[in-house]
PDB file of N, CA and C in Angstrom:
ATOM      1  N   MET A   1      91.274  54.533  79.537  1.00  0.00           N
ATOM      2  CA  MET A   1      91.429  55.592  80.119  1.00  0.00           C
ATOM      3  C   MET A   1      92.552  55.781  81.668  1.00  0.00           C
ATOM      4  N   LYS A   2      93.222  56.515  81.442  1.00  0.00           N
ATOM      5  CA  LYS A   2      94.143  57.156  82.908  1.00  0.00           C
ATOM      6  C   LYS A   2      93.942  56.613  83.773  1.00  0.00           C
ATOM      7  N   LYS A   3      94.776  56.220  84.728  1.00  0.00           N
ATOM      8  CA  LYS A   3      94.369  56.140  86.561  1.00  0.00           C
ATOM      9  C   LYS A   3      93.851  57.442  87.199  1.00  0.00           C
ATOM     10  N   PHE A   4      95.009  58.702  86.492  1.00  0.00           N
ATOM     11  CA  PHE A   4      95.198  59.791  86.820  1.00  0.00           C
ATOM     12  C   PHE A   4      94.636  61.192  86.144  1.00  0.00           C
ATOM     13  N   ALA A   5      93.929  61.868  86.840  1.00  0.00           N
ATOM     14  CA  ALA A   5      93.796  62.876  85.359  1.00  0.00           C
ATOM     15  C   ALA A   5      94.209  64.143  86.602  1.00  0.00           C
ATOM     16  N   VAL A   6      95.132  65.288  85.968  1.00  0.00           N
ATOM     17  CA  VAL A   6      95.412  66.602  86.735  1.00  0.00           C
ATOM     18  C   VAL A   6      94.608  67.451  85.795  1.00  0.00           C
ATOM     19  N   GLU A   7      94.048  68.342  86.125  1.00  0.00           N
ATOM     20  CA  GLU A   7      93.214  69.287  85.312  1.00  0.00           C
ATOM     21  C   GLU A   7      93.605  70.892  86.028  1.00  0.00           C
ATOM     22  N   ILE A   8      94.710  72.014  85.466  1.00  0.00           N
ATOM     23  CA  ILE A   8      94.318  73.414  86.279  1.00  0.00           C
ATOM     24  C   ILE A   8      93.442  73.939  85.642  1.00  0.00           C
ATOM     25  N   ILE A   9      92.467  74.577  86.632  1.00  0.00           N
ATOM     26  CA  ILE A   9      91.086  75.210  86.383  1.00  0.00           C
ATOM     27  C   ILE A   9      91.585  76.565  86.924  1.00  0.00           C
ATOM     28  N   LYS A  10      90.850  77.553  86.056  1.00  0.00           N
ATOM     29  CA  LYS A  10      91.042  78.662  85.962  1.00  0.00           C
ATOM     30  C   LYS A  10      92.111  79.274  86.453  1.00  0.00           C
ATOM     31  N   GLY A  11      93.437  79.039  86.015  1.00  0.00           N
ATOM     32  CA  GLY A  11      94.586  79.470  86.498  1.00  0.00           C
ATOM     33  C   GLY A  11      95.559  79.222  87.683  1.00  0.00           C
ATOM     34  N   SER A  12      94.401  78.607  88.626  1.00  0.00           N
ATOM     35  CA  SER A  12      94.694  78.806  90.320  1.00  0.00           C
ATOM     36  C   SER A  12      94.748  77.918  91.023  1.00  0.00           C
ATOM     37  N   ILE A  13      93.987  76.634  90.443  1.00  0.00           N
ATOM     38  CA  ILE A  13      93.220  75.934  91.113  1.00  0.00           C
ATOM     39  C   ILE A  13      93.926  74.788  90.572  1.00  0.00           C
ATOM     40  N   VAL A  14      94.081  73.412  90.926  1.00  0.00           N
ATOM     41  CA  VAL A  14      94.191  72.247  90.679  1.00  0.00           C
ATOM     42  C   VAL A  14      93.537  70.771  90.743  1.00  0.00           C
ATOM     43  N   GLU A  15      92.632  70.410  90.312  1.00  0.00           N
ATOM     44  CA  GLU A  15      91.838  69.093  90.336  1.00  0.00           C
ATOM     45  C   GLU A  15      92.530  68.083  89.581  1.00  0.00           C
ATOM     46  N   ILE A  16      93.305  66.861  91.093  1.00  0.00           N
ATOM     47  CA  ILE A  16      93.628  66.048  91.186  1.00  0.00           C
ATOM     48  C   ILE A  16      91.942  65.208  90.801  1.00  0.00           C
ATOM     49  N   ARG A  17      92.310  64.216  89.820  1.00  0.00           N
ATOM     50  CA  ARG A  17      91.363  62.891  89.915  1.00  0.00           C
ATOM     51  C   ARG A  17      91.959  61.912  90.336  1.00  0.00           C
ATOM     52  N   TYR A  18      91.529  60.665  91.146  1.00  0.00           N
ATOM     53  CA  TYR A  18      92.165  59.341  91.150  1.00  0.00           C
ATOM     54  C   TYR A  18      91.273  58.515  90.562  1.00  0.00           C
ATOM     55  N   PHE A  19      90.938  57.596  89.837  1.00  0.00           N
ATOM     56  CA  PHE A  19      90.237  56.425  89.089  1.00  0.00           C
ATOM     57  C   PHE A  19      90.401  55.227  89.780  1.00  0.00           C
ATOM     58  N   ASN A  20      89.595  54.565  90.925  1.00  0.00           N
ATOM     59  CA  ASN A  20      89.805  53.361  91.445  1.00  0.00           C
ATOM     60  C   ASN A  20      89.511  52.579  90.253  1.00  0.00           C
ATOM     61  N   ARG A  21      88.729  52.393  89.278  1.00  0.00           N
ATOM     62  CA  ARG A  21      88.430  51.718  88.018  1.00  0.00           C
ATOM     63  C   ARG A  21      88.088  52.423  87.022  1.00  0.00           C
ATOM     64  N   PRO A  22      89.572  52.659  86.040  1.00  0.00           N
ATOM     65  CA  PRO A  22      89.209  53.586  85.187  1.00  0.00           C
ATOM     66  C   PRO A  22      87.929  53.328  84.133  1.00  0.00           C
ATOM     67  N   SER A  23      87.898  52.116  83.958  1.00  0.00           N
ATOM     68  CA  SER A  23      86.470  52.087  83.295  1.00  0.00           C
ATOM     69  C   SER A  23      84.969  52.089  83.926  1.00  0.00           C
ATOM     70  N   HIS A  24      84.880  52.417  84.741  1.00  0.00           N
ATOM     71  CA  HIS A  24      83.590  52.771  85.428  1.00  0.00           C
ATOM     72  C   HIS A  24      83.530  54.089  85.655  1.00  0.00           C
ATOM     73  N   GLY A  25      84.695  55.161  85.582  1.00  0.00           N
ATOM     74  CA  GLY A  25      84.391  56.587  85.704  1.00  0.00           C
ATOM     75  C   GLY A  25      84.340  57.121  86.744  1.00  0.00           C
ATOM     76  N   THR A  26      84.333  56.273  88.172  1.00  0.00           N
ATOM     77  CA  THR A  26      83.897  56.829  89.134  1.00  0.00           C
ATOM     78  C   THR A  26      85.497  57.100  89.816  1.00  0.00           C
ATOM     79  N   TYR A  27      85.437  58.569  90.497  1.00  0.00           N
ATOM     80  CA  TYR A  27      86.788  58.783  91.064  1.00  0.00           C
ATOM     81  C   TYR A  27      86.626  59.694  92.458  1.00  0.00           C
ATOM     82  N   ARG A  28      87.946  59.433  92.906  1.00  0.00           N
ATOM     83  CA  ARG A  28      87.946  60.420  94.505  1.00  0.00           C
ATOM     84  C   ARG A  28      88.806  61.662  93.662  1.00  0.00           C
ATOM     85  N   SER A  29      88.241  62.893  94.396  1.00  0.00           N
ATOM     86  CA  SER A  29      89.235  64.684  93.516  1.00  0.00           C
ATOM     87  C   SER A  29      89.525  65.013  94.909  1.00  0.00           C
ATOM     88  N   TRP A  30      91.040  65.966  94.759  1.00  0.00           N
ATOM     89  CA  TRP A  30      91.384  67.225  95.561  1.00  0.00           C
ATOM     90  C   TRP A  30      91.622  67.917  94.807  1.00  0.00           C
ATOM     91  N   LYS A  31      91.174  68.899  95.122  1.00  0.00           N
ATOM     92  CA  LYS A  31      91.354  70.530  94.390  1.00  0.00           C
ATOM     93  C   LYS A  31      92.402  71.423  95.560  1.00  0.00           C
ATOM     94  N   LEU A  32      93.083  71.596  94.820  1.00  0.00           N
ATOM     95  CA  LEU A  32      94.256  72.623  95.696  1.00  0.00           C
ATOM     96  C   LEU A  32      94.704  73.563  95.063  1.00  0.00           C
ATOM     97  N   SER A  33      95.121  74.606  95.684  1.00  0.00           N
ATOM     98  CA  SER A  33      96.031  75.844  94.814  1.00  0.00           C
ATOM     99  C   SER A  33      97.447  75.030  93.909  1.00  0.00           C
ATOM    100  N   VAL A  34      97.599  75.756  92.983  1.00  0.00           N
ATOM    101  CA  VAL A  34      98.923  75.610  91.872  1.00  0.00           C
ATOM    102  C   VAL A  34      99.785  75.673  92.688  1.00  0.00           C
ATOM    103  N   GLN A  35      99.950  76.217  93.783  1.00  0.00           N
ATOM    104  CA  GLN A  35     101.415  76.557  94.226  1.00  0.00           C
ATOM    105  C   GLN A  35     101.831  75.405  95.565  1.00  0.00           C
ATOM    106  N   ALA A  36     100.730  75.006  95.913  1.00  0.00           N
ATOM    107  CA  ALA A  36     100.725  73.758  97.113  1.00  0.00           C
ATOM    108  C   ALA A  36     100.727  72.417  96.102  1.00  0.00           C
ATOM    109  N   VAL A  37     100.146  72.266  94.908  1.00  0.00           N
ATOM    110  CA  VAL A  37     100.998  71.124  94.300  1.00  0.00           C
ATOM    111  C   VAL A  37     102.147  70.755  93.677  1.00  0.00           C
ATOM    112  N   HIS A  38     102.746  72.601  92.981  1.00  0.00           N
ATOM    113  CA  HIS A  38     104.098  72.659  92.881  1.00  0.00           C
ATOM    114  C   HIS A  38     104.895  71.988  94.085  1.00  0.00           C
ATOM    115  N   ASP A  39     104.343  72.582  95.639  1.00  0.00           N
ATOM    116  CA  ASP A  39     105.346  72.152  96.922  1.00  0.00           C
ATOM    117  C   ASP A  39     105.020  70.331  96.720  1.00  0.00           C
ATOM    118  N   LEU A  40     104.087  70.273  96.743  1.00  0.00           N
ATOM    119  CA  LEU A  40     103.558  68.836  96.982  1.00  0.00           C
ATOM    120  C   LEU A  40     104.687  67.650  95.997  1.00  0.00           C
ATOM    121  N   ALA A  41     105.027  68.341  94.828  1.00  0.00           N
ATOM    122  CA  ALA A  41     105.516  67.590  94.039  1.00  0.00           C
ATOM    123  C   ALA A  41     106.717  67.270  93.937  1.00  0.00           C
ATOM    124  N   ARG A  42     107.382  68.549  94.191  1.00  0.00           N
ATOM    125  CA  ARG A  42     108.779  69.302  94.901  1.00  0.00           C
ATOM    126  C   ARG A  42     109.519  67.759  95.946  1.00  0.00           C
ATOM    127  N   ILE A  43     108.754  68.209  97.052  1.00  0.00           N
ATOM    128  CA  ILE A  43     108.751  67.119  98.175  1.00  0.00           C
ATOM    129  C   ILE A  43     108.965  65.961  98.096  1.00  0.00           C
ATOM    130  N   TRP A  44     107.685  65.362  97.176  1.00  0.00           N
ATOM    131  CA  TRP A  44     107.681  63.940  96.866  1.00  0.00           C
ATOM    132  C   TRP A  44     108.879  63.529  96.265  1.00  0.00           C
ATOM    133  N   ARG A  45     109.183  64.194  95.084  1.00  0.00           N
ATOM    134  CA  ARG A  45     110.372  63.904  94.354  1.00  0.00           C
ATOM    135  C   ARG A  45     111.786  63.859  95.093  1.00  0.00           C
ATOM    136  N   ARG A  46     112.077  64.729  96.160  1.00  0.00           N
ATOM    137  CA  ARG A  46     113.067  64.635  96.912  1.00  0.00           C
ATOM    138  C   ARG A  46     113.166  63.672  97.863  1.00  0.00           C
ATOM    139  N   LEU A  47     112.277  63.448  98.042  1.00  0.00           N
ATOM    140  CA  LEU A  47     111.893  62.008  99.555  1.00  0.00           C
ATOM    141  C   LEU A  47     112.081  61.138  99.107  1.00  0.00           C
ATOM    142  N   SER A  48     111.514  60.495  97.419  1.00  0.00           N
ATOM    143  CA  SER A  48     111.342  59.775  96.671  1.00  0.00           C
ATOM    144  C   SER A  48     112.992  59.422  96.155  1.00  0.00           C
ATOM    145  N   LEU A  49     113.895  60.437  95.723  1.00  0.00           N
ATOM    146  CA  LEU A  49     115.273  60.192  95.630  1.00  0.00           C
ATOM    147  C   LEU A  49     116.034  60.422  96.500  1.00  0.00           C
ATOM    148  N   ASN A  50     115.997  60.783  97.891  1.00  0.00           N
ATOM    149  CA  ASN A  50     116.854  60.454  98.724  1.00  0.00           C
ATOM    150  C   ASN A  50     116.403  59.554 100.038  1.00  0.00           C
ATOM    151  N   GLY A  51     115.263  58.786  99.724  1.00  0.00           N
ATOM    152  CA  GLY A  51     115.245  57.942 100.570  1.00  0.00           C
ATOM    153  C   GLY A  51     114.133  58.566 101.937  1.00  0.00           C
ATOM    154  N   PHE A  52     113.177  58.105 101.971  1.00  0.00           N
ATOM    155  CA  PHE A  52     111.817  58.518 102.724  1.00  0.00           C
ATOM    156  C   PHE A  52     112.691  58.281 104.314  1.00  0.00           C
ATOM    157  N   PRO A  53     112.260  59.614 104.874  1.00  0.00           N
ATOM    158  CA  PRO A  53     113.314  59.767 106.245  1.00  0.00           C
ATOM    159  C   PRO A  53     112.161  58.786 107.258  1.00  0.00           C
ATOM    160  N   PRO A  54     112.516  58.555 108.537  1.00  0.00           N
ATOM    161  CA  PRO A  54     111.767  58.017 109.695  1.00  0.00           C
ATOM    162  C   PRO A  54     110.199  58.418 109.513  1.00  0.00           C
ATOM    163  N   MET A  55     109.424  58.057 110.094  1.00  0.00           N
ATOM    164  CA  MET A  55     107.875  58.326 110.198  1.00  0.00           C
ATOM    165  C   MET A  55     107.848  58.869 112.156  1.00  0.00           C
ATOM    166  N   PRO A  56     107.227  59.691 112.470  1.00  0.00           N
ATOM    167  CA  PRO A  56     106.157  61.017 111.476  1.00  0.00           C
ATOM    168  C   PRO A  56     107.426  61.755 111.182  1.00  0.00           C
ATOM    169  N   TYR A  57     106.826  62.295 109.662  1.00  0.00           N
ATOM    170  CA  TYR A  57     108.074  63.466 109.067  1.00  0.00           C
ATOM    171  C   TYR A  57     106.997  64.530 108.732  1.00  0.00           C
ATOM    172  N   SER A  58     107.655  65.894 109.241  1.00  0.00           N
ATOM    173  CA  SER A  58     107.001  66.578 109.286  1.00  0.00           C
ATOM    174  C   SER A  58     107.801  67.812 108.108  1.00  0.00           C
ATOM    175  N   GLU A  59     106.846  69.046 107.224  1.00  0.00           N
ATOM    176  CA  GLU A  59     108.037  69.389 106.558  1.00  0.00           C
ATOM    177  C   GLU A  59     106.878  71.122 106.039  1.00  0.00           C
ATOM    178  N   THR A  60     107.240  72.392 106.263  1.00  0.00           N
ATOM    179  CA  THR A  60     106.541  73.620 106.252  1.00  0.00           C
ATOM    180  C   THR A  60     107.273  74.089 105.547  1.00  0.00           C
ATOM    181  N   THR A  61     106.735  74.984 104.594  1.00  0.00           N
ATOM    182  CA  THR A  61     107.103  75.700 103.428  1.00  0.00           C
ATOM    183  C   THR A  61     106.229  76.804 103.590  1.00  0.00           C
ATOM    184  N   CYS A  62     106.440  77.824 102.978  1.00  0.00           N
ATOM    185  CA  CYS A  62     105.894  79.164 103.087  1.00  0.00           C
ATOM    186  C   CYS A  62     104.496  78.769 102.688  1.00  0.00           C
ATOM    187  N   ARG A  63     104.011  78.382 101.906  1.00  0.00           N
ATOM    188  CA  ARG A  63     102.378  77.760 101.645  1.00  0.00           C
ATOM    189  C   ARG A  63     101.648  76.938 102.503  1.00  0.00           C
ATOM    190  N   CYS A  64     102.305  75.585 102.481  1.00  0.00           N
ATOM    191  CA  CYS A  64     102.123  74.541 103.058  1.00  0.00           C
ATOM    192  C   CYS A  64     102.815  74.222 104.173  1.00  0.00           C
ATOM    193  N   ALA A  65     101.788  73.357 104.702  1.00  0.00           N
ATOM    194  CA  ALA A  65     102.223  71.965 105.748  1.00  0.00           C
ATOM    195  C   ALA A  65     102.302  70.653 105.462  1.00  0.00           C
ATOM    196  N   TYR A  66     102.874  70.085 105.464  1.00  0.00           N
ATOM    197  CA  TYR A  66     102.919  68.265 104.923  1.00  0.00           C
ATOM    198  C   TYR A  66     103.500  67.886 106.148  1.00  0.00           C
ATOM    199  N   GLU A  67     102.533  66.551 106.200  1.00  0.00           N
ATOM    200  CA  GLU A  67     102.875  65.686 108.000  1.00  0.00           C
ATOM    201  C   GLU A  67     102.362  64.186 107.083  1.00  0.00           C
ATOM    202  N   MET A  68     103.528  63.337 107.177  1.00  0.00           N
ATOM    203  CA  MET A  68     103.166  62.108 107.176  1.00  0.00           C
ATOM    204  C   MET A  68     103.648  60.776 108.264  1.00  0.00           C
ATOM    205  N   PHE A  69     102.376  60.275 108.723  1.00  0.00           N
ATOM    206  CA  PHE A  69     102.271  59.472 109.716  1.00  0.00           C
ATOM    207  C   PHE A  69     102.902  58.356 109.859  1.00  0.00           C
ATOM    208  N   VAL A  70     102.311  57.604 108.421  1.00  0.00           N
ATOM    209  CA  VAL A  70     102.413  56.592 107.522  1.00  0.00           C
ATOM    210  C   VAL A  70     103.437  57.045 106.349  1.00  0.00           C
ATOM    211  N   GLY A  71     103.972  55.830 105.491  1.00  0.00           N
ATOM    212  CA  GLY A  71     104.557  56.618 104.263  1.00  0.00           C
ATOM    213  C   GLY A  71     103.462  55.882 103.446  1.00  0.00           C
ATOM    214  N   ASN A  72     102.182  56.114 103.248  1.00  0.00           N
ATOM    215  CA  ASN A  72     101.379  56.143 101.990  1.00  0.00           C
ATOM    216  C   ASN A  72     100.428  56.952 102.198  1.00  0.00           C
ATOM    217  N   THR A  73     100.623  58.101 103.066  1.00  0.00           N
ATOM    218  CA  THR A  73      99.530  58.822 103.109  1.00  0.00           C
ATOM    219  C   THR A  73     100.184  60.314 103.742  1.00  0.00           C
ATOM    220  N   ILE A  74      99.700  61.371 102.674  1.00  0.00           N
ATOM    221  CA  ILE A  74     100.212  62.932 103.013  1.00  0.00           C
ATOM    222  C   ILE A  74      99.133  64.048 103.786  1.00  0.00           C
ATOM    223  N   TYR A  75      99.174  64.404 104.585  1.00  0.00           N
ATOM    224  CA  TYR A  75      98.591  64.933 105.153  1.00  0.00           C
ATOM    225  C   TYR A  75      98.927  66.590 104.796  1.00  0.00           C
ATOM    226  N   LEU A  76      98.236  66.995 103.787  1.00  0.00           N
ATOM    227  CA  LEU A  76      98.640  68.696 103.719  1.00  0.00           C
ATOM    228  C   LEU A  76      97.463  69.918 104.286  1.00  0.00           C
ATOM    229  N   ARG A  77      97.976  70.480 104.462  1.00  0.00           N
ATOM    230  CA  ARG A  77      97.573  71.708 105.008  1.00  0.00           C
ATOM    231  C   ARG A  77      97.975  73.088 104.248  1.00  0.00           C
ATOM    232  N   GLU A  78      97.257  74.264 103.646  1.00  0.00           N
ATOM    233  CA  GLU A  78      97.565  75.159 103.199  1.00  0.00           C
ATOM    234  C   GLU A  78      97.606  76.278 104.198  1.00  0.00           C
ATOM    235  N   LEU A  79      98.660  77.117 103.874  1.00  0.00           N
ATOM    236  CA  LEU A  79      98.884  77.936 105.118  1.00  0.00           C
ATOM    237  C   LEU A  79      98.401  79.403 104.330  1.00  0.00           C
ATOM    238  N   ASP A  80      97.997  80.353 104.948  1.00  0.00           N
ATOM    239  CA  ASP A  80      97.684  81.868 104.678  1.00  0.00           C
ATOM    240  C   ASP A  80      99.315  82.721 104.818  1.00  0.00           C
ATOM    241  N   GLY A  81      98.733  84.260 104.016  1.00  0.00           N
ATOM    242  CA  GLY A  81     100.502  84.772 104.221  1.00  0.00           C
ATOM    243  C   GLY A  81     101.209  84.837 105.587  1.00  0.00           C
ATOM    244  N   TYR A  82     100.518  84.621 106.828  1.00  0.00           N
ATOM    245  CA  TYR A  82     101.159  84.735 108.159  1.00  0.00           C
ATOM    246  C   TYR A  82     101.731  83.125 108.374  1.00  0.00           C
ATOM    247  N   GLY A  83     101.406  82.131 107.785  1.00  0.00           N
ATOM    248  CA  GLY A  83     102.144  81.387 107.977  1.00  0.00           C
ATOM    249  C   GLY A  83     100.300  80.016 108.959  1.00  0.00           C
ATOM    250  N   ARG A  84      99.541  80.732 109.230  1.00  0.00           N
ATOM    251  CA  ARG A  84      98.225  80.102 110.128  1.00  0.00           C
ATOM    252  C   ARG A  84      97.681  79.099 108.709  1.00  0.00           C
ATOM    253  N   PRO A  85      97.292  77.936 109.272  1.00  0.00           N
ATOM    254  CA  PRO A  85      96.582  77.066 107.886  1.00  0.00           C
ATOM    255  C   PRO A  85      95.365  77.727 108.049  1.00  0.00           C
ATOM    256  N   THR A  86      94.830  77.391 106.725  1.00  0.00           N
ATOM    257  CA  THR A  86      93.576  77.741 106.156  1.00  0.00           C
ATOM    258  C   THR A  86      92.304  76.793 106.278  1.00  0.00           C
ATOM    259  N   MET A  87      91.384  76.747 105.817  1.00  0.00           N
ATOM    260  CA  MET A  87      90.090  75.723 105.989  1.00  0.00           C
ATOM    261  C   MET A  87      90.881  74.506 104.882  1.00  0.00           C
ATOM    262  N   ILE A  88      91.345  75.234 103.882  1.00  0.00           N
ATOM    263  CA  ILE A  88      91.670  73.580 103.177  1.00  0.00           C
ATOM    264  C   ILE A  88      92.700  72.975 103.611  1.00  0.00           C
ATOM    265  N   GLY A  89      92.524  71.752 103.388  1.00  0.00           N
ATOM    266  CA  GLY A  89      93.777  70.843 104.057  1.00  0.00           C
ATOM    267  C   GLY A  89      93.143  69.429 103.182  1.00  0.00           C
ATOM    268  N   ALA A  90      94.056  68.567 103.168  1.00  0.00           N
ATOM    269  CA  ALA A  90      93.097  67.255 102.051  1.00  0.00           C
ATOM    270  C   ALA A  90      94.134  65.886 102.824  1.00  0.00           C
ATOM    271  N   ASN A  91      94.106  64.605 102.803  1.00  0.00           N
ATOM    272  CA  ASN A  91      94.870  63.508 103.078  1.00  0.00           C
ATOM    273  C   ASN A  91      94.910  63.293 101.117  1.00  0.00           C
ATOM    274  N   ILE A  92      96.078  63.123 101.018  1.00  0.00           N
ATOM    275  CA  ILE A  92      96.857  62.654  99.779  1.00  0.00           C
ATOM    276  C   ILE A  92      97.342  60.975  99.805  1.00  0.00           C
ATOM    277  N   PRO A  93      96.559  60.220  99.170  1.00  0.00           N
ATOM    278  CA  PRO A  93      97.595  59.070  99.021  1.00  0.00           C
ATOM    279  C   PRO A  93      98.613  59.277  98.585  1.00  0.00           C
ATOM    280  N   ALA A  94      99.753  58.164  98.900  1.00  0.00           N
ATOM    281  CA  ALA A  94     100.998  58.169  98.129  1.00  0.00           C
ATOM    282  C   ALA A  94     100.980  58.516  96.787  1.00  0.00           C
ATOM    283  N   THR A  95     100.273  57.419  95.739  1.00  0.00           N
ATOM    284  CA  THR A  95     100.030  57.193  94.574  1.00  0.00           C
ATOM    285  C   THR A  95     100.109  58.493  94.158  1.00  0.00           C
ATOM    286  N   VAL A  96      98.917  59.468  94.687  1.00  0.00           N
ATOM    287  CA  VAL A  96      98.607  60.624  93.728  1.00  0.00           C
ATOM    288  C   VAL A  96      99.610  61.634  93.788  1.00  0.00           C
ATOM    289  N   ALA A  97     100.709  61.518  95.405  1.00  0.00           N
ATOM    290  CA  ALA A  97     101.699  62.450  95.339  1.00  0.00           C
ATOM    291  C   ALA A  97     102.573  62.006  94.267  1.00  0.00           C
ATOM    292  N   GLU A  98     102.956  60.587  93.919  1.00  0.00           N
ATOM    293  CA  GLU A  98     103.679  60.498  92.996  1.00  0.00           C
ATOM    294  C   GLU A  98     103.710  60.973  91.491  1.00  0.00           C
ATOM    295  N   ALA A  99     102.099  60.532  91.425  1.00  0.00           N
ATOM    296  CA  ALA A  99     101.764  61.197  90.327  1.00  0.00           C
ATOM    297  C   ALA A  99     102.174  62.048  89.521  1.00  0.00           C
ATOM    298  N   VAL A 100     102.066  63.220  90.597  1.00  0.00           N
ATOM    299  CA  VAL A 100     101.765  64.707  90.654  1.00  0.00           C
ATOM    300  C   VAL A 100     103.097  65.228  90.492  1.00  0.00           C
ATOM    301  N   SER A 101     103.944  64.284  90.667  1.00  0.00           N
ATOM    302  CA  SER A 101     105.362  64.662  91.045  1.00  0.00           C
ATOM    303  C   SER A 101     106.168  63.958  89.616  1.00  0.00           C
ATOM    304  N   VAL A 102     105.455  63.251  88.569  1.00  0.00           N
ATOM    305  CA  VAL A 102     106.291  63.234  87.519  1.00  0.00           C
ATOM    306  C   VAL A 102     105.852  64.009  86.287  1.00  0.00           C
ATOM    307  N   ASP A 103     104.107  64.903  86.870  1.00  0.00           N
ATOM    308  CA  ASP A 103     103.426  65.592  85.381  1.00  0.00           C
ATOM    309  C   ASP A 103     104.560  66.905  85.129  1.00  0.00           C
ATOM    310  N   SER A 104     105.051  67.057  84.165  1.00  0.00           N
ATOM    311  CA  SER A 104     105.872  67.928  83.715  1.00  0.00           C
ATOM    312  C   SER A 104     105.253  69.574  83.999  1.00  0.00           C
ATOM    313  N   ARG A 105     103.739  69.538  84.015  1.00  0.00           N
ATOM    314  CA  ARG A 105     103.669  70.915  84.692  1.00  0.00           C
ATOM    315  C   ARG A 105     104.072  71.419  85.803  1.00  0.00           C
ATOM    316  N   PHE A 106     104.408  70.265  86.696  1.00  0.00           N
ATOM    317  CA  PHE A 106     104.781  70.771  88.333  1.00  0.00           C
ATOM    318  C   PHE A 106     106.107  70.522  88.495  1.00  0.00           C
ATOM    319  N   ILE A 107     107.113  70.696  87.745  1.00  0.00           N
ATOM    320  CA  ILE A 107     108.198  70.434  87.788  1.00  0.00           C
ATOM    321  C   ILE A 107     109.367  71.707  87.428  1.00  0.00           C
ATOM    322  N   ASP A 108     109.618  72.104  88.538  1.00  0.00           N
ATOM    323  CA  ASP A 108     110.208  73.489  88.208  1.00  0.00           C
ATOM    324  C   ASP A 108     111.745  73.434  87.856  1.00  0.00           C
TER     325      ASP A 108
END
């Protein structure tokens, strides 16, 4: 069993599962919009290729706000059409962002 599983649910939601011990079957999961995951993958690829900036780092796209206070966690908040935060937010470990960034479904 792989350490990560990424599944698109009903075409608009992505569930990312991280298995601490794949043999046990227990996992942590995050459900985000497809657009948020595309943005996360693109931002992570760009940062990892160009070198990570000094912390804290923040970036806002038309769909999400991303903040990194330390290099191993990304705080993500989805935004509505007016740029205001919605109730959807997540703390994404860097290992999860890295796994999503190499998934061919999220490469533009």
